[in-house]
Amino acid sequence: MSTHLRIGIDTLKKYYINKLIQSGPDKDFKTELDSLTLSELKLILKNQIPNQK
C-alpha cells in the first residue's frame, strides 16, 4: 500500500510542478521546485493562480 501512496504523491507533485512551470515566466526553476514538499507546491500554486482550488 505504501508504494501506491508514494506513486500518488509523486504524480501529484509532478502535476503541481508542471502547472507552476506553465504559469511562470521563468522555466529554469524546475530543480528548485523538485526540492519542495507537496504542501509547499500546493501553497505556491494557490498563491500564483488564485482561481485554483
Protein backbone atom coordinates (compact mmCIF):
# COMPACT_ATOMS: atom_id res chain seq x y z
CA MET A 1 0.00 0.00 0.00
CA SER A 2 2.82 2.43 0.78
CA THR A 3 4.11 2.03 -2.79
CA HIS A 4 0.76 3.16 -4.17
CA LEU A 5 0.75 6.15 -1.82
CA ARG A 6 4.28 7.14 -2.87
CA ILE A 7 3.33 6.88 -6.57
CA GLY A 8 0.24 9.01 -5.95
CA ILE A 9 2.21 11.67 -4.11
CA ASP A 10 4.90 11.75 -6.80
CA THR A 11 2.25 12.06 -9.52
CA LEU A 12 0.54 14.94 -7.72
CA LYS A 13 3.88 16.64 -7.10
CA LYS A 14 4.75 16.41 -10.83
CA TYR A 15 1.31 17.84 -11.68
CA TYR A 16 1.86 20.86 -9.40
CA ILE A 17 5.38 21.41 -10.74
CA ASN A 18 4.16 21.30 -14.35
CA LYS A 19 1.34 23.75 -13.57
CA LEU A 20 3.81 26.17 -11.97
CA ILE A 21 6.24 25.87 -14.86
CA GLN A 22 3.46 26.55 -17.38
CA SER A 23 2.18 29.59 -15.48
CA GLY A 24 5.55 31.06 -14.53
CA PRO A 25 7.67 33.37 -16.66
CA ASP A 26 10.91 31.61 -15.69
CA LYS A 27 11.06 27.95 -16.64
CA ASP A 28 14.57 27.40 -15.23
CA PHE A 29 13.48 26.87 -11.63
CA LYS A 30 12.32 23.25 -12.03
CA THR A 31 15.22 21.95 -9.93
CA GLU A 32 14.22 24.25 -7.09
CA LEU A 33 10.61 23.07 -7.34
CA ASP A 34 11.70 19.43 -7.12
CA SER A 35 13.12 20.06 -3.64
CA LEU A 36 9.86 21.46 -2.25
CA THR A 37 7.26 19.42 -0.40
CA LEU A 38 3.81 18.71 -1.79
CA SER A 39 2.26 21.20 0.67
CA GLU A 40 4.71 23.94 -0.33
CA LEU A 41 4.00 23.38 -4.02
CA LYS A 42 0.25 23.49 -3.42
CA LEU A 43 0.58 26.77 -1.49
CA ILE A 44 2.73 28.37 -4.19
CA LEU A 45 0.32 27.28 -6.91
CA LYS A 46 -2.65 28.58 -4.91
CA ASN A 47 -0.94 31.96 -4.44
CA GLN A 48 0.19 32.20 -8.05
CA ILE A 49 -3.14 31.16 -9.57
CA PRO A 50 -5.86 32.49 -7.22
CA ASN A 51 -8.73 30.70 -9.04
CA GLN A 52 -7.06 27.33 -8.42
CA LYS A 53 -8.74 25.16 -5.76
